[in-house]
C-alpha atoms as a PDB file:
ATOM      1  CA  UNK A   1      18.040 -11.559  83.887  1.00  0.00           C
ATOM      2  CA  UNK A   2      14.607 -11.438  82.268  1.00  0.00           C
ATOM      3  CA  UNK A   3      13.015  -8.316  80.821  1.00  0.00           C
ATOM      4  CA  UNK A   4      10.511  -7.902  83.645  1.00  0.00           C
ATOM      5  CA  UNK A   5      13.330  -7.692  86.220  1.00  0.00           C
ATOM      6  CA  UNK A   6      15.492  -5.483  84.025  1.00  0.00           C
ATOM      7  CA  UNK A   7      12.837  -2.759  83.656  1.00  0.00           C
ATOM      8  CA  UNK A   8      10.523  -2.251  86.589  1.00  0.00           C
ATOM      9  CA  UNK A   9       6.918  -1.355  85.933  1.00  0.00           C
ATOM     10  CA  UNK A  10       6.634   2.420  85.725  1.00  0.00           C
ATOM     11  CA  UNK A  11      10.361   2.935  85.070  1.00  0.00           C
ATOM     12  CA  UNK A  12      10.125   4.436  81.598  1.00  0.00           C
ATOM     13  CA  UNK A  13      13.311   6.430  82.178  1.00  0.00           C
ATOM     14  CA  UNK A  14      15.406   3.245  82.346  1.00  0.00           C
ATOM     15  CA  UNK A  15      13.808   1.911  79.174  1.00  0.00           C
ATOM     16  CA  UNK A  16      14.567   5.187  77.392  1.00  0.00           C
ATOM     17  CA  UNK A  17      18.141   5.188  78.673  1.00  0.00           C
ATOM     18  CA  UNK A  18      18.707   1.659  77.403  1.00  0.00           C
ATOM     19  CA  UNK A  19      16.965   2.054  74.044  1.00  0.00           C
ATOM     20  CA  UNK A  20      17.400   5.222  72.012  1.00  0.00           C
ATOM     21  CA  UNK A  21      14.564   4.346  69.620  1.00  0.00           C
ATOM     22  CA  UNK A  22      12.133   4.282  72.558  1.00  0.00           C
ATOM     23  CA  UNK A  23      13.555   7.550  73.896  1.00  0.00           C
ATOM     24  CA  UNK A  24      13.157   9.238  70.497  1.00  0.00           C
ATOM     25  CA  UNK A  25       9.606   7.955  70.175  1.00  0.00           C
ATOM     26  CA  UNK A  26       8.562   9.085  73.655  1.00  0.00           C
ATOM     27  CA  UNK A  27      10.081  12.556  73.242  1.00  0.00           C
ATOM     28  CA  UNK A  28       8.409  13.055  69.864  1.00  0.00           C
ATOM     29  CA  UNK A  29       5.101  11.769  71.177  1.00  0.00           C
ATOM     30  CA  UNK A  30       5.234  13.975  74.271  1.00  0.00           C
ATOM     31  CA  UNK A  31       6.109  17.050  72.206  1.00  0.00           C
ATOM     32  CA  UNK A  32       3.224  16.438  69.830  1.00  0.00           C
ATOM     33  CA  UNK A  33       0.477  15.381  72.257  1.00  0.00           C
ATOM     34  CA  UNK A  34       1.566  16.804  75.601  1.00  0.00           C
ATOM     35  CA  UNK A  35       1.358  13.502  77.454  1.00  0.00           C
ATOM     36  CA  UNK A  36       3.840  10.754  78.290  1.00  0.00           C
ATOM     37  CA  UNK A  37       3.007   7.044  78.177  1.00  0.00           C
ATOM     38  CA  UNK A  38       3.483   4.771  81.191  1.00  0.00           C
ATOM     39  CA  UNK A  39       5.843   1.803  81.048  1.00  0.00           C
ATOM     40  CA  UNK A  40       3.792  -1.268  81.941  1.00  0.00           C
ATOM     41  CA  UNK A  41       6.286  -4.105  81.606  1.00  0.00           C
ATOM     42  CA  UNK A  42       4.984  -7.346  80.117  1.00  0.00           C
ATOM     43  CA  UNK A  43       1.403  -7.004  78.937  1.00  0.00           C
ATOM     44  CA  UNK A  44      -1.347  -8.864  80.765  1.00  0.00           C
ATOM     45  CA  UNK A  45      -5.105  -8.470  81.142  1.00  0.00           C
ATOM     46  CA  UNK A  46      -4.600  -6.180  84.110  1.00  0.00           C
ATOM     47  CA  UNK A  47      -3.477  -3.507  81.646  1.00  0.00           C
ATOM     48  CA  UNK A  48      -7.078  -2.644  80.799  1.00  0.00           C
ATOM     49  CA  UNK A  49      -7.500  -1.292  84.339  1.00  0.00           C
ATOM     50  CA  UNK A  50      -4.787   1.329  83.815  1.00  0.00           C
ATOM     51  CA  UNK A  51      -5.847   4.977  83.540  1.00  0.00           C
ATOM     52  CA  UNK A  52      -5.082   6.808  81.373  1.00  0.00           C
ATOM     53  CA  UNK A  53      -4.924   4.072  78.765  1.00  0.00           C
ATOM     54  CA  UNK A  54      -1.569   5.103  77.319  1.00  0.00           C
ATOM     55  CA  UNK A  55       0.946   2.314  77.822  1.00  0.00           C
ATOM     56  CA  UNK A  56       4.282   1.092  76.561  1.00  0.00           C
ATOM     57  CA  UNK A  57       4.946  -2.593  77.119  1.00  0.00           C
ATOM     58  CA  UNK A  58       7.751  -4.955  76.181  1.00  0.00           C
ATOM     59  CA  UNK A  59       7.401  -7.892  73.812  1.00  0.00           C
ATOM     60  CA  UNK A  60      10.952  -9.101  73.203  1.00  0.00           C
ATOM     61  CA  UNK A  61      13.810  -6.686  73.675  1.00  0.00           C
ATOM     62  CA  UNK A  62      14.469  -4.402  71.786  1.00  0.00           C
ATOM     63  CA  UNK A  63      10.822  -4.417  70.638  1.00  0.00           C
ATOM     64  CA  UNK A  64       8.398  -2.319  72.646  1.00  0.00           C
ATOM     65  CA  UNK A  65       4.780  -1.494  71.916  1.00  0.00           C
ATOM     66  CA  UNK A  66       2.696   1.552  72.730  1.00  0.00           C
ATOM     67  CA  UNK A  67      -1.055   1.273  73.060  1.00  0.00           C
ATOM     68  CA  UNK A  68      -2.988   4.515  73.196  1.00  0.00           C
ATOM     69  CA  UNK A  69      -6.771   4.471  73.479  1.00  0.00           C
ATOM     70  CA  UNK A  70      -9.108   7.422  72.922  1.00  0.00           C
ATOM     71  CA  UNK A  71     -12.836   7.246  73.553  1.00  0.00           C
ATOM     72  CA  UNK A  72     -14.659   9.697  71.292  1.00  0.00           C
ATOM     73  CA  UNK A  73     -18.196  10.437  72.428  1.00  0.00           C
ATOM     74  CA  UNK A  74     -20.657  13.341  72.253  1.00  0.00           C
ATOM     75  CA  UNK A  75     -19.631  16.273  74.460  1.00  0.00           C
ATOM     76  CA  UNK A  76     -21.864  19.006  75.871  1.00  0.00           C
ATOM     77  CA  UNK A  77     -21.058  22.704  75.735  1.00  0.00           C
ATOM     78  CA  UNK A  78     -21.513  24.847  78.852  1.00  0.00           C
ATOM     79  CA  UNK A  79     -24.947  25.963  77.679  1.00  0.00           C
ATOM     80  CA  UNK A  80     -25.936  22.378  76.903  1.00  0.00           C
ATOM     81  CA  UNK A  81     -24.738  21.297  80.343  1.00  0.00           C
ATOM     82  CA  UNK A  82     -27.171  23.821  81.831  1.00  0.00           C
ATOM     83  CA  UNK A  83     -29.955  22.318  79.700  1.00  0.00           C
ATOM     84  CA  UNK A  84     -28.929  18.842  80.856  1.00  0.00           C
ATOM     85  CA  UNK A  85     -29.243  19.839  84.518  1.00  0.00           C
ATOM     86  CA  UNK A  86     -32.657  21.387  83.898  1.00  0.00           C
ATOM     87  CA  UNK A  87     -33.740  18.300  81.992  1.00  0.00           C
ATOM     88  CA  UNK A  88     -32.525  15.920  84.708  1.00  0.00           C
ATOM     89  CA  UNK A  89     -34.423  17.916  87.336  1.00  0.00           C
ATOM     90  CA  UNK A  90     -37.609  17.678  85.276  1.00  0.00           C
ATOM     91  CA  UNK A  91     -37.115  13.955  84.667  1.00  0.00           C
ATOM     92  CA  UNK A  92     -36.664  13.315  88.392  1.00  0.00           C
ATOM     93  CA  UNK A  93     -39.808  15.286  89.192  1.00  0.00           C
ATOM     94  CA  UNK A  94     -41.813  13.286  86.670  1.00  0.00           C
ATOM     95  CA  UNK A  95     -40.255   9.905  87.506  1.00  0.00           C
ATOM     96  CA  UNK A  96     -42.971   8.808  90.002  1.00  0.00           C
ATOM     97  CA  UNK A  97     -45.620   9.047  87.281  1.00  0.00           C
ATOM     98  CA  UNK A  98     -43.514   7.358  84.588  1.00  0.00           C
ATOM     99  CA  UNK A  99     -44.399   3.825  83.396  1.00  0.00           C
ATOM    100  CA  UNK A 100     -42.802   0.925  85.249  1.00  0.00           C
ATOM    101  CA  UNK A 101     -39.984  -1.044  83.646  1.00  0.00           C
ATOM    102  CA  UNK A 102     -38.133  -4.306  84.242  1.00  0.00           C
ATOM    103  CA  UNK A 103     -35.105  -4.019  81.934  1.00  0.00           C
ATOM    104  CA  UNK A 104     -32.523  -1.387  81.064  1.00  0.00           C
ATOM    105  CA  UNK A 105     -33.829  -1.294  77.492  1.00  0.00           C
ATOM    106  CA  UNK A 106     -37.327  -0.478  78.720  1.00  0.00           C
ATOM    107  CA  UNK A 107     -35.912   2.195  81.019  1.00  0.00           C
ATOM    108  CA  UNK A 108     -33.899   3.656  78.141  1.00  0.00           C
ATOM    109  CA  UNK A 109     -36.993   3.820  75.925  1.00  0.00           C
ATOM    110  CA  UNK A 110     -38.969   5.554  78.679  1.00  0.00           C
ATOM    111  CA  UNK A 111     -36.207   8.104  79.250  1.00  0.00           C
ATOM    112  CA  UNK A 112     -35.892   8.712  75.525  1.00  0.00           C
ATOM    113  CA  UNK A 113     -39.611   9.447  75.285  1.00  0.00           C
ATOM    114  CA  UNK A 114     -39.421  11.777  78.285  1.00  0.00           C
ATOM    115  CA  UNK A 115     -36.463  13.647  76.788  1.00  0.00           C
ATOM    116  CA  UNK A 116     -38.450  14.240  73.601  1.00  0.00           C
ATOM    117  CA  UNK A 117     -41.512  15.268  75.622  1.00  0.00           C
ATOM    118  CA  UNK A 118     -39.652  17.874  77.668  1.00  0.00           C
ATOM    119  CA  UNK A 119     -37.618  19.356  74.832  1.00  0.00           C
ATOM    120  CA  UNK A 120     -38.774  21.084  71.679  1.00  0.00           C
ATOM    121  CA  UNK A 121     -36.804  21.569  68.493  1.00  0.00           C
ATOM    122  CA  UNK A 122     -36.152  25.138  67.454  1.00  0.00           C
ATOM    123  CA  UNK A 123     -37.417  24.273  63.972  1.00  0.00           C
ATOM    124  CA  UNK A 124     -40.814  23.351  65.433  1.00  0.00           C
ATOM    125  CA  UNK A 125     -41.305  26.783  67.008  1.00  0.00           C
ATOM    126  CA  UNK A 126     -41.357  28.834  63.825  1.00  0.00           C
ATOM    127  CA  UNK A 127     -44.509  30.985  63.780  1.00  0.00           C
ATOM    128  CA  UNK A 128     -45.918  29.570  67.024  1.00  0.00           C
ATOM    129  CA  UNK A 129     -46.731  31.365  70.272  1.00  0.00           C
ATOM    130  CA  UNK A 130     -45.687  29.479  73.392  1.00  0.00           C
ATOM    131  CA  UNK A 131     -47.674  29.443  76.600  1.00  0.00           C
ATOM    132  CA  UNK A 132     -45.106  31.103  78.829  1.00  0.00           C
ATOM    133  CA  UNK A 133     -45.256  33.684  81.598  1.00  0.00           C
ATOM    134  CA  UNK A 134     -46.651  34.065  85.107  1.00  0.00           C
ATOM    135  CA  UNK A 135     -50.302  33.758  84.115  1.00  0.00           C
ATOM    136  CA  UNK A 136     -49.770  30.424  82.396  1.00  0.00           C
ATOM    137  CA  UNK A 137     -47.648  29.280  85.346  1.00  0.00           C
ATOM    138  CA  UNK A 138     -50.387  30.186  87.819  1.00  0.00           C
ATOM    139  CA  UNK A 139     -52.906  27.964  86.056  1.00  0.00           C
ATOM    140  CA  UNK A 140     -50.360  25.194  85.474  1.00  0.00           C
ATOM    141  CA  UNK A 141     -50.497  25.341  81.679  1.00  0.00           C
ATOM    142  CA  UNK A 142     -47.153  26.946  80.882  1.00  0.00           C
ATOM    143  CA  UNK A 143     -44.922  25.407  78.217  1.00  0.00           C
ATOM    144  CA  UNK A 144     -41.788  24.368  80.108  1.00  0.00           C
ATOM    145  CA  UNK A 145     -40.146  22.465  77.284  1.00  0.00           C
ATOM    146  CA  UNK A 146     -36.494  23.270  76.713  1.00  0.00           C
ATOM    147  CA  UNK A 147     -35.639  24.603  73.268  1.00  0.00           C
ATOM    148  CA  UNK A 148     -32.873  22.631  71.539  1.00  0.00           C
ATOM    149  CA  UNK A 149     -31.553  21.883  68.082  1.00  0.00           C
ATOM    150  CA  UNK A 150     -31.713  18.368  66.652  1.00  0.00           C
ATOM    151  CA  UNK A 151     -27.982  17.874  67.298  1.00  0.00           C
ATOM    152  CA  UNK A 152     -28.345  19.117  70.866  1.00  0.00           C
ATOM    153  CA  UNK A 153     -31.210  16.725  71.516  1.00  0.00           C
ATOM    154  CA  UNK A 154     -29.133  13.817  70.234  1.00  0.00           C
ATOM    155  CA  UNK A 155     -26.170  14.783  72.435  1.00  0.00           C
ATOM    156  CA  UNK A 156     -28.414  15.262  75.465  1.00  0.00           C
ATOM    157  CA  UNK A 157     -30.080  11.906  74.827  1.00  0.00           C
ATOM    158  CA  UNK A 158     -26.702  10.164  74.756  1.00  0.00           C
ATOM    159  CA  UNK A 159     -25.318  11.844  77.888  1.00  0.00           C
ATOM    160  CA  UNK A 160     -28.495  11.453  79.972  1.00  0.00           C
ATOM    161  CA  UNK A 161     -28.855   7.769  79.043  1.00  0.00           C
ATOM    162  CA  UNK A 162     -25.134   7.202  79.616  1.00  0.00           C
ATOM    163  CA  UNK A 163     -25.192   8.737  83.091  1.00  0.00           C
ATOM    164  CA  UNK A 164     -28.520   7.375  84.346  1.00  0.00           C
ATOM    165  CA  UNK A 165     -28.535   3.867  82.874  1.00  0.00           C
ATOM    166  CA  UNK A 166     -25.165   2.918  81.481  1.00  0.00           C
ATOM    167  CA  UNK A 167     -21.626   3.352  82.799  1.00  0.00           C
ATOM    168  CA  UNK A 168     -21.225   7.121  83.010  1.00  0.00           C
ATOM    169  CA  UNK A 169     -17.829   8.436  81.850  1.00  0.00           C
ATOM    170  CA  UNK A 170     -16.549   4.835  81.564  1.00  0.00           C
ATOM    171  CA  UNK A 171     -19.080   3.993  78.846  1.00  0.00           C
ATOM    172  CA  UNK A 172     -16.645   4.336  75.889  1.00  0.00           C
ATOM    173  CA  UNK A 173     -14.095   2.103  77.600  1.00  0.00           C
ATOM    174  CA  UNK A 174     -16.512  -0.565  78.817  1.00  0.00           C
ATOM    175  CA  UNK A 175     -18.370  -0.709  75.508  1.00  0.00           C
ATOM    176  CA  UNK A 176     -15.191  -1.492  73.557  1.00  0.00           C
ATOM    177  CA  UNK A 177     -15.146  -5.286  73.240  1.00  0.00           C
ATOM    178  CA  UNK A 178     -11.768  -5.162  71.493  1.00  0.00           C
ATOM    179  CA  UNK A 179     -10.076  -4.209  74.753  1.00  0.00           C
ATOM    180  CA  UNK A 180     -10.821  -7.696  76.046  1.00  0.00           C
ATOM    181  CA  UNK A 181      -8.518  -9.108  73.382  1.00  0.00           C
ATOM    182  CA  UNK A 182      -5.678  -6.626  73.647  1.00  0.00           C
ATOM    183  CA  UNK A 183      -3.057  -9.333  74.203  1.00  0.00           C
ATOM    184  CA  UNK A 184      -3.688 -10.629  70.678  1.00  0.00           C
ATOM    185  CA  UNK A 185      -1.973  -7.535  69.314  1.00  0.00           C
ATOM    186  CA  UNK A 186       1.239  -7.748  71.316  1.00  0.00           C
ATOM    187  CA  UNK A 187       3.451  -7.640  68.189  1.00  0.00           C
ATOM    188  CA  UNK A 188       2.102  -4.282  67.033  1.00  0.00           C
ATOM    189  CA  UNK A 189       1.929  -0.727  68.212  1.00  0.00           C
ATOM    190  CA  UNK A 190      -1.599   0.405  67.587  1.00  0.00           C
ATOM    191  CA  UNK A 191      -1.746   4.181  67.818  1.00  0.00           C
ATOM    192  CA  UNK A 192      -5.161   5.495  66.825  1.00  0.00           C
ATOM    193  CA  UNK A 193      -5.364   9.250  66.425  1.00  0.00           C
ATOM    194  CA  UNK A 194      -7.615  11.185  64.075  1.00  0.00           C
ATOM    195  CA  UNK A 195      -8.871   7.909  62.590  1.00  0.00           C
ATOM    196  CA  UNK A 196      -5.346   6.886  61.505  1.00  0.00           C
ATOM    197  CA  UNK A 197      -3.742   3.648  62.743  1.00  0.00           C
ATOM    198  CA  UNK A 198       0.045   3.632  62.771  1.00  0.00           C
ATOM    199  CA  UNK A 199       2.259   0.581  63.286  1.00  0.00           C
ATOM    200  CA  UNK A 200       5.640   1.381  64.808  1.00  0.00           C
ATOM    201  CA  UNK A 201       8.783  -0.743  65.067  1.00  0.00           C
ATOM    202  CA  UNK A 202      12.301   0.367  66.015  1.00  0.00           C
ATOM    203  CA  UNK A 203      14.597   1.355  63.186  1.00  0.00           C
ATOM    204  CA  UNK A 204      16.742  -1.472  61.944  1.00  0.00           C
END
């Protein structure tokens, strides 16, 4: 009986029952990170479609491999999310008057310029008086730029570009070219956490 028939895809419990080193690993991993990997069976290119990307697959019994993938990207706080929504609304209002473009790179450059135009760094406001209030609004000369820090502007730039031009929340996954070649690493367990790569094999 081959390995694929012996352990059905998704049946991690049977793998753990048959191999104590896998059971120990899974229990320790689950206790530390609060999540349990999925048993995939024999690795193939379809594995990259699995979500979450936290798999155990078999190479040659009793050797199993866990692949865990984390995408680390800029994250917005609640207050920054509010700024993002305000910024998106402004960008959509101004879109009809924006320059035309033919490529994603041109579109990205245009959006980047608009983000800078409709935000202002807090360091640039020192000692200045902004045109704000009902009177300025009535004559259409109010300063509607959103006040941000340099780090906030960079995070907003990434998230807005990611969501409007690129692949949204899938951007970290789809931008990782190494995932295309995952089968080349079938003899290792690559566990990347906190910038540390660990290679795991069962105890001899």
